[in-house]
Amino acid sequence: SVIRGATTHYEVVVEACSAGVAQVGLEFGVP
């Protein structure tokens, strides 16, 4: 759970996390 705060930290965390999770699925073929 990433909840928006008063800084840009939210965007950094959400973008990195979502890209990383997607990459794992694509790289290893595991849903």
PDB file of all heavy atoms in Angstrom:
ATOM      1  N   SER A   1       0.845  -1.178   0.000  1.00  0.00           N
ATOM      2  CA  SER A   1       0.000   0.000   0.000  1.00  0.00           C
ATOM      3  C   SER A   1       0.887   1.237   0.000  1.00  0.00           C
ATOM      4  O   SER A   1       1.670   1.441   0.928  1.00  0.00           O
ATOM      5  CB  SER A   1      -0.900  -0.004   1.238  1.00  0.00           C
ATOM      6  OG  SER A   1      -1.660   1.184   1.298  1.00  0.00           O
ATOM      7  N   VAL A   2       0.767   2.020  -1.059  1.00  0.00           N
ATOM      8  CA  VAL A   2       1.507   3.273  -1.161  1.00  0.00           C
ATOM      9  C   VAL A   2       0.470   4.389  -1.182  1.00  0.00           C
ATOM     10  O   VAL A   2      -0.379   4.442  -2.073  1.00  0.00           O
ATOM     11  CB  VAL A   2       2.390   3.323  -2.427  1.00  0.00           C
ATOM     12  CG1 VAL A   2       3.212   4.611  -2.454  1.00  0.00           C
ATOM     13  CG2 VAL A   2       3.299   2.102  -2.508  1.00  0.00           C
ATOM     14  N   ILE A   3       0.533   5.252  -0.184  1.00  0.00           N
ATOM     15  CA  ILE A   3      -0.451   6.314  -0.021  1.00  0.00           C
ATOM     16  C   ILE A   3       0.233   7.654  -0.303  1.00  0.00           C
ATOM     17  O   ILE A   3       1.293   7.949   0.251  1.00  0.00           O
ATOM     18  CB  ILE A   3      -1.043   6.286   1.394  1.00  0.00           C
ATOM     19  CG1 ILE A   3      -1.709   4.913   1.649  1.00  0.00           C
ATOM     20  CG2 ILE A   3      -2.040   7.426   1.594  1.00  0.00           C
ATOM     21  CD1 ILE A   3      -2.085   4.660   3.086  1.00  0.00           C
ATOM     22  N   ARG A   4      -0.376   8.449  -1.162  1.00  0.00           N
ATOM     23  CA  ARG A   4       0.214   9.742  -1.553  1.00  0.00           C
ATOM     24  C   ARG A   4       0.412  10.625  -0.324  1.00  0.00           C
ATOM     25  O   ARG A   4      -0.440  10.705   0.546  1.00  0.00           O
ATOM     26  CB  ARG A   4      -0.679  10.459  -2.558  1.00  0.00           C
ATOM     27  CG  ARG A   4      -0.033  11.729  -3.097  1.00  0.00           C
ATOM     28  CD  ARG A   4      -0.898  12.456  -4.097  1.00  0.00           C
ATOM     29  NE  ARG A   4      -1.175  11.675  -5.286  1.00  0.00           N
ATOM     30  CZ  ARG A   4      -0.359  11.562  -6.343  1.00  0.00           C
ATOM     31  NH1 ARG A   4       0.816  12.154  -6.311  1.00  0.00           N
ATOM     32  NH2 ARG A   4      -0.719  10.863  -7.387  1.00  0.00           N
ATOM     33  N   GLY A   5       1.557  11.257  -0.296  1.00  0.00           N
ATOM     34  CA  GLY A   5       1.868  12.221   0.763  1.00  0.00           C
ATOM     35  C   GLY A   5       2.084  13.594   0.152  1.00  0.00           C
ATOM     36  O   GLY A   5       1.645  13.869  -0.973  1.00  0.00           O
ATOM     37  N   ALA A   6       2.800  14.421   0.858  1.00  0.00           N
ATOM     38  CA  ALA A   6       3.008  15.799   0.435  1.00  0.00           C
ATOM     39  C   ALA A   6       4.204  15.975  -0.494  1.00  0.00           C
ATOM     40  O   ALA A   6       4.440  17.062  -1.000  1.00  0.00           O
ATOM     41  CB  ALA A   6       3.180  16.689   1.664  1.00  0.00           C
ATOM     42  N   THR A   7       4.973  14.901  -0.733  1.00  0.00           N
ATOM     43  CA  THR A   7       6.168  15.014  -1.573  1.00  0.00           C
ATOM     44  C   THR A   7       6.034  14.125  -2.812  1.00  0.00           C
ATOM     45  O   THR A   7       5.065  13.387  -2.961  1.00  0.00           O
ATOM     46  CB  THR A   7       7.428  14.582  -0.792  1.00  0.00           C
ATOM     47  OG1 THR A   7       7.364  13.179  -0.558  1.00  0.00           O
ATOM     48  CG2 THR A   7       7.543  15.337   0.528  1.00  0.00           C
ATOM     49  N   THR A   8       7.046  14.147  -3.658  1.00  0.00           N
ATOM     50  CA  THR A   8       7.041  13.326  -4.877  1.00  0.00           C
ATOM     51  C   THR A   8       7.481  11.888  -4.612  1.00  0.00           C
ATOM     52  O   THR A   8       7.557  11.089  -5.548  1.00  0.00           O
ATOM     53  CB  THR A   8       7.959  13.945  -5.948  1.00  0.00           C
ATOM     54  OG1 THR A   8       9.287  14.041  -5.409  1.00  0.00           O
ATOM     55  CG2 THR A   8       7.462  15.314  -6.376  1.00  0.00           C
ATOM     56  N   HIS A   9       7.745  11.547  -3.366  1.00  0.00           N
ATOM     57  CA  HIS A   9       8.164  10.188  -3.010  1.00  0.00           C
ATOM     58  C   HIS A   9       7.164   9.149  -3.532  1.00  0.00           C
ATOM     59  O   HIS A   9       7.551   8.081  -4.004  1.00  0.00           O
ATOM     60  CB  HIS A   9       8.310  10.080  -1.487  1.00  0.00           C
ATOM     61  CG  HIS A   9       8.801   8.756  -1.016  1.00  0.00           C
ATOM     62  ND1 HIS A   9      10.090   8.328  -1.216  1.00  0.00           N
ATOM     63  CD2 HIS A   9       8.169   7.762  -0.347  1.00  0.00           C
ATOM     64  CE1 HIS A   9      10.238   7.126  -0.702  1.00  0.00           C
ATOM     65  NE2 HIS A   9       9.078   6.751  -0.165  1.00  0.00           N
ATOM     66  N   TYR A  10       5.881   9.448  -3.459  1.00  0.00           N
ATOM     67  CA  TYR A  10       4.820   8.553  -3.920  1.00  0.00           C
ATOM     68  C   TYR A  10       5.058   8.129  -5.370  1.00  0.00           C
ATOM     69  O   TYR A  10       5.035   6.941  -5.692  1.00  0.00           O
ATOM     70  CB  TYR A  10       3.471   9.267  -3.774  1.00  0.00           C
ATOM     71  CG  TYR A  10       2.296   8.558  -4.401  1.00  0.00           C
ATOM     72  CD1 TYR A  10       1.569   7.624  -3.668  1.00  0.00           C
ATOM     73  CD2 TYR A  10       1.897   8.841  -5.702  1.00  0.00           C
ATOM     74  CE1 TYR A  10       0.478   6.982  -4.226  1.00  0.00           C
ATOM     75  CE2 TYR A  10       0.809   8.203  -6.261  1.00  0.00           C
ATOM     76  CZ  TYR A  10       0.099   7.275  -5.525  1.00  0.00           C
ATOM     77  OH  TYR A  10      -0.980   6.633  -6.081  1.00  0.00           O
ATOM     78  N   GLU A  11       5.277   9.102  -6.255  1.00  0.00           N
ATOM     79  CA  GLU A  11       5.479   8.807  -7.674  1.00  0.00           C
ATOM     80  C   GLU A  11       6.713   7.935  -7.896  1.00  0.00           C
ATOM     81  O   GLU A  11       6.690   7.007  -8.696  1.00  0.00           O
ATOM     82  CB  GLU A  11       5.598  10.089  -8.510  1.00  0.00           C
ATOM     83  CG  GLU A  11       4.286  10.804  -8.747  1.00  0.00           C
ATOM     84  CD  GLU A  11       3.900  11.756  -7.614  1.00  0.00           C
ATOM     85  OE1 GLU A  11       4.700  11.948  -6.666  1.00  0.00           O
ATOM     86  OE2 GLU A  11       2.778  12.293  -7.672  1.00  0.00           O
ATOM     87  N   VAL A  12       7.777   8.231  -7.203  1.00  0.00           N
ATOM     88  CA  VAL A  12       9.018   7.463  -7.345  1.00  0.00           C
ATOM     89  C   VAL A  12       8.785   6.009  -6.938  1.00  0.00           C
ATOM     90  O   VAL A  12       9.153   5.077  -7.658  1.00  0.00           O
ATOM     91  CB  VAL A  12      10.150   8.092  -6.496  1.00  0.00           C
ATOM     92  CG1 VAL A  12      11.368   7.195  -6.449  1.00  0.00           C
ATOM     93  CG2 VAL A  12      10.510   9.476  -7.022  1.00  0.00           C
ATOM     94  N   VAL A  13       8.164   5.798  -5.795  1.00  0.00           N
ATOM     95  CA  VAL A  13       7.927   4.441  -5.292  1.00  0.00           C
ATOM     96  C   VAL A  13       6.973   3.679  -6.204  1.00  0.00           C
ATOM     97  O   VAL A  13       7.243   2.532  -6.583  1.00  0.00           O
ATOM     98  CB  VAL A  13       7.400   4.473  -3.836  1.00  0.00           C
ATOM     99  CG1 VAL A  13       6.960   3.090  -3.379  1.00  0.00           C
ATOM    100  CG2 VAL A  13       8.454   5.045  -2.903  1.00  0.00           C
ATOM    101  N   VAL A  14       5.873   4.286  -6.571  1.00  0.00           N
ATOM    102  CA  VAL A  14       4.881   3.607  -7.412  1.00  0.00           C
ATOM    103  C   VAL A  14       5.476   3.233  -8.762  1.00  0.00           C
ATOM    104  O   VAL A  14       5.310   2.107  -9.237  1.00  0.00           O
ATOM    105  CB  VAL A  14       3.612   4.473  -7.580  1.00  0.00           C
ATOM    106  CG1 VAL A  14       2.691   3.906  -8.654  1.00  0.00           C
ATOM    107  CG2 VAL A  14       2.879   4.597  -6.254  1.00  0.00           C
ATOM    108  N   GLU A  15       6.184   4.159  -9.392  1.00  0.00           N
ATOM    109  CA  GLU A  15       6.762   3.883 -10.706  1.00  0.00           C
ATOM    110  C   GLU A  15       7.804   2.768 -10.643  1.00  0.00           C
ATOM    111  O   GLU A  15       7.779   1.830 -11.447  1.00  0.00           O
ATOM    112  CB  GLU A  15       7.391   5.146 -11.293  1.00  0.00           C
ATOM    113  CG  GLU A  15       7.857   4.947 -12.718  1.00  0.00           C
ATOM    114  CD  GLU A  15       8.355   6.233 -13.348  1.00  0.00           C
ATOM    115  OE1 GLU A  15       7.798   7.303 -13.060  1.00  0.00           O
ATOM    116  OE2 GLU A  15       9.311   6.148 -14.149  1.00  0.00           O
ATOM    117  N   ALA A  16       8.704   2.837  -9.688  1.00  0.00           N
ATOM    118  CA  ALA A  16       9.753   1.816  -9.571  1.00  0.00           C
ATOM    119  C   ALA A  16       9.165   0.452  -9.222  1.00  0.00           C
ATOM    120  O   ALA A  16       9.557  -0.571  -9.798  1.00  0.00           O
ATOM    121  CB  ALA A  16      10.774   2.239  -8.525  1.00  0.00           C
ATOM    122  N   CYS A  17       8.234   0.434  -8.310  1.00  0.00           N
ATOM    123  CA  CYS A  17       7.640  -0.830  -7.880  1.00  0.00           C
ATOM    124  C   CYS A  17       6.843  -1.473  -9.010  1.00  0.00           C
ATOM    125  O   CYS A  17       6.997  -2.669  -9.282  1.00  0.00           O
ATOM    126  CB  CYS A  17       6.760  -0.598  -6.655  1.00  0.00           C
ATOM    127  SG  CYS A  17       6.041  -2.111  -6.000  1.00  0.00           S
ATOM    128  N   SER A  18       6.012  -0.709  -9.677  1.00  0.00           N
ATOM    129  CA  SER A  18       5.197  -1.285 -10.752  1.00  0.00           C
ATOM    130  C   SER A  18       6.059  -1.770 -11.903  1.00  0.00           C
ATOM    131  O   SER A  18       5.828  -2.855 -12.455  1.00  0.00           O
ATOM    132  CB  SER A  18       4.131  -0.299 -11.232  1.00  0.00           C
ATOM    133  OG  SER A  18       4.710   0.855 -11.785  1.00  0.00           O
ATOM    134  N   ALA A  19       7.076  -1.005 -12.259  1.00  0.00           N
ATOM    135  CA  ALA A  19       7.976  -1.429 -13.341  1.00  0.00           C
ATOM    136  C   ALA A  19       8.743  -2.689 -12.937  1.00  0.00           C
ATOM    137  O   ALA A  19       8.913  -3.607 -13.751  1.00  0.00           O
ATOM    138  CB  ALA A  19       8.944  -0.303 -13.698  1.00  0.00           C
ATOM    139  N   GLY A  20       9.184  -2.754 -11.695  1.00  0.00           N
ATOM    140  CA  GLY A  20       9.928  -3.916 -11.223  1.00  0.00           C
ATOM    141  C   GLY A  20       9.087  -5.178 -11.200  1.00  0.00           C
ATOM    142  O   GLY A  20       9.532  -6.247 -11.624  1.00  0.00           O
ATOM    143  N   VAL A  21       7.862  -5.073 -10.726  1.00  0.00           N
ATOM    144  CA  VAL A  21       6.963  -6.230 -10.687  1.00  0.00           C
ATOM    145  C   VAL A  21       6.676  -6.713 -12.107  1.00  0.00           C
ATOM    146  O   VAL A  21       6.732  -7.914 -12.389  1.00  0.00           O
ATOM    147  CB  VAL A  21       5.659  -5.900  -9.921  1.00  0.00           C
ATOM    148  CG1 VAL A  21       4.604  -6.987 -10.118  1.00  0.00           C
ATOM    149  CG2 VAL A  21       5.953  -5.696  -8.435  1.00  0.00           C
ATOM    150  N   ALA A  22       6.398  -5.788 -13.017  1.00  0.00           N
ATOM    151  CA  ALA A  22       6.143  -6.166 -14.409  1.00  0.00           C
ATOM    152  C   ALA A  22       7.363  -6.841 -15.021  1.00  0.00           C
ATOM    153  O   ALA A  22       7.237  -7.846 -15.739  1.00  0.00           O
ATOM    154  CB  ALA A  22       5.744  -4.935 -15.222  1.00  0.00           C
ATOM    155  N   GLN A  23       8.537  -6.319 -14.739  1.00  0.00           N
ATOM    156  CA  GLN A  23       9.769  -6.880 -15.294  1.00  0.00           C
ATOM    157  C   GLN A  23       9.995  -8.323 -14.843  1.00  0.00           C
ATOM    158  O   GLN A  23      10.427  -9.161 -15.622  1.00  0.00           O
ATOM    159  CB  GLN A  23      10.974  -6.018 -14.921  1.00  0.00           C
ATOM    160  CG  GLN A  23      12.285  -6.494 -15.522  1.00  0.00           C
ATOM    161  CD  GLN A  23      12.256  -6.532 -17.053  1.00  0.00           C
ATOM    162  OE1 GLN A  23      11.682  -5.673 -17.694  1.00  0.00           O
ATOM    163  NE2 GLN A  23      12.876  -7.550 -17.634  1.00  0.00           N
ATOM    164  N   VAL A  24       9.691  -8.614 -13.591  1.00  0.00           N
ATOM    165  CA  VAL A  24       9.857  -9.985 -13.082  1.00  0.00           C
ATOM    166  C   VAL A  24       8.988 -10.942 -13.893  1.00  0.00           C
ATOM    167  O   VAL A  24       9.447 -11.998 -14.338  1.00  0.00           O
ATOM    168  CB  VAL A  24       9.518 -10.078 -11.581  1.00  0.00           C
ATOM    169  CG1 VAL A  24       9.449 -11.530 -11.125  1.00  0.00           C
ATOM    170  CG2 VAL A  24      10.544  -9.310 -10.756  1.00  0.00           C
ATOM    171  N   GLY A  25       7.746 -10.588 -14.097  1.00  0.00           N
ATOM    172  CA  GLY A  25       6.848 -11.444 -14.864  1.00  0.00           C
ATOM    173  C   GLY A  25       7.325 -11.653 -16.289  1.00  0.00           C
ATOM    174  O   GLY A  25       7.309 -12.776 -16.806  1.00  0.00           O
ATOM    175  N   LEU A  26       7.769 -10.585 -16.918  1.00  0.00           N
ATOM    176  CA  LEU A  26       8.246 -10.686 -18.294  1.00  0.00           C
ATOM    177  C   LEU A  26       9.544 -11.475 -18.395  1.00  0.00           C
ATOM    178  O   LEU A  26       9.730 -12.273 -19.308  1.00  0.00           O
ATOM    179  CB  LEU A  26       8.433  -9.285 -18.886  1.00  0.00           C
ATOM    180  CG  LEU A  26       7.146  -8.490 -19.101  1.00  0.00           C
ATOM    181  CD1 LEU A  26       7.475  -7.047 -19.475  1.00  0.00           C
ATOM    182  CD2 LEU A  26       6.278  -9.143 -20.162  1.00  0.00           C
ATOM    183  N   GLU A  27      10.440 -11.258 -17.459  1.00  0.00           N
ATOM    184  CA  GLU A  27      11.747 -11.917 -17.506  1.00  0.00           C
ATOM    185  C   GLU A  27      11.663 -13.413 -17.222  1.00  0.00           C
ATOM    186  O   GLU A  27      12.349 -14.215 -17.853  1.00  0.00           O
ATOM    187  CB  GLU A  27      12.693 -11.257 -16.500  1.00  0.00           C
ATOM    188  CG  GLU A  27      14.098 -11.816 -16.504  1.00  0.00           C
ATOM    189  CD  GLU A  27      15.026 -11.088 -15.544  1.00  0.00           C
ATOM    190  OE1 GLU A  27      14.745  -9.932 -15.172  1.00  0.00           O
ATOM    191  OE2 GLU A  27      16.048 -11.690 -15.154  1.00  0.00           O
ATOM    192  N   PHE A  28      10.807 -13.803 -16.281  1.00  0.00           N
ATOM    193  CA  PHE A  28      10.782 -15.194 -15.843  1.00  0.00           C
ATOM    194  C   PHE A  28       9.562 -15.975 -16.333  1.00  0.00           C
ATOM    195  O   PHE A  28       9.498 -17.184 -16.146  1.00  0.00           O
ATOM    196  CB  PHE A  28      10.884 -15.274 -14.318  1.00  0.00           C
ATOM    197  CG  PHE A  28      12.218 -14.824 -13.820  1.00  0.00           C
ATOM    198  CD1 PHE A  28      12.408 -13.512 -13.406  1.00  0.00           C
ATOM    199  CD2 PHE A  28      13.307 -15.683 -13.815  1.00  0.00           C
ATOM    200  CE1 PHE A  28      13.650 -13.074 -12.966  1.00  0.00           C
ATOM    201  CE2 PHE A  28      14.552 -15.253 -13.385  1.00  0.00           C
ATOM    202  CZ  PHE A  28      14.723 -13.943 -12.964  1.00  0.00           C
ATOM    203  N   GLY A  29       8.591 -15.302 -16.933  1.00  0.00           N
ATOM    204  CA  GLY A  29       7.416 -16.000 -17.432  1.00  0.00           C
ATOM    205  C   GLY A  29       6.512 -16.538 -16.340  1.00  0.00           C
ATOM    206  O   GLY A  29       5.677 -17.399 -16.587  1.00  0.00           O
ATOM    207  N   VAL A  30       6.667 -16.021 -15.139  1.00  0.00           N
ATOM    208  CA  VAL A  30       5.824 -16.416 -14.009  1.00  0.00           C
ATOM    209  C   VAL A  30       4.786 -15.307 -13.812  1.00  0.00           C
ATOM    210  O   VAL A  30       5.160 -14.131 -13.716  1.00  0.00           O
ATOM    211  CB  VAL A  30       6.662 -16.566 -12.714  1.00  0.00           C
ATOM    212  CG1 VAL A  30       5.769 -16.863 -11.515  1.00  0.00           C
ATOM    213  CG2 VAL A  30       7.719 -17.634 -12.882  1.00  0.00           C
ATOM    214  N   PRO A  31       3.502 -15.655 -13.767  1.00  0.00           N
ATOM    215  CA  PRO A  31       2.518 -14.611 -13.496  1.00  0.00           C
ATOM    216  C   PRO A  31       2.881 -13.868 -12.206  1.00  0.00           C
ATOM    217  O   PRO A  31       3.015 -14.480 -11.146  1.00  0.00           O
ATOM    218  CB  PRO A  31       1.205 -15.396 -13.349  1.00  0.00           C
ATOM    219  CG  PRO A  31       1.419 -16.630 -14.173  1.00  0.00           C
ATOM    220  CD  PRO A  31       2.880 -16.967 -13.975  1.00  0.00           C
TER     221      PRO A  31
END
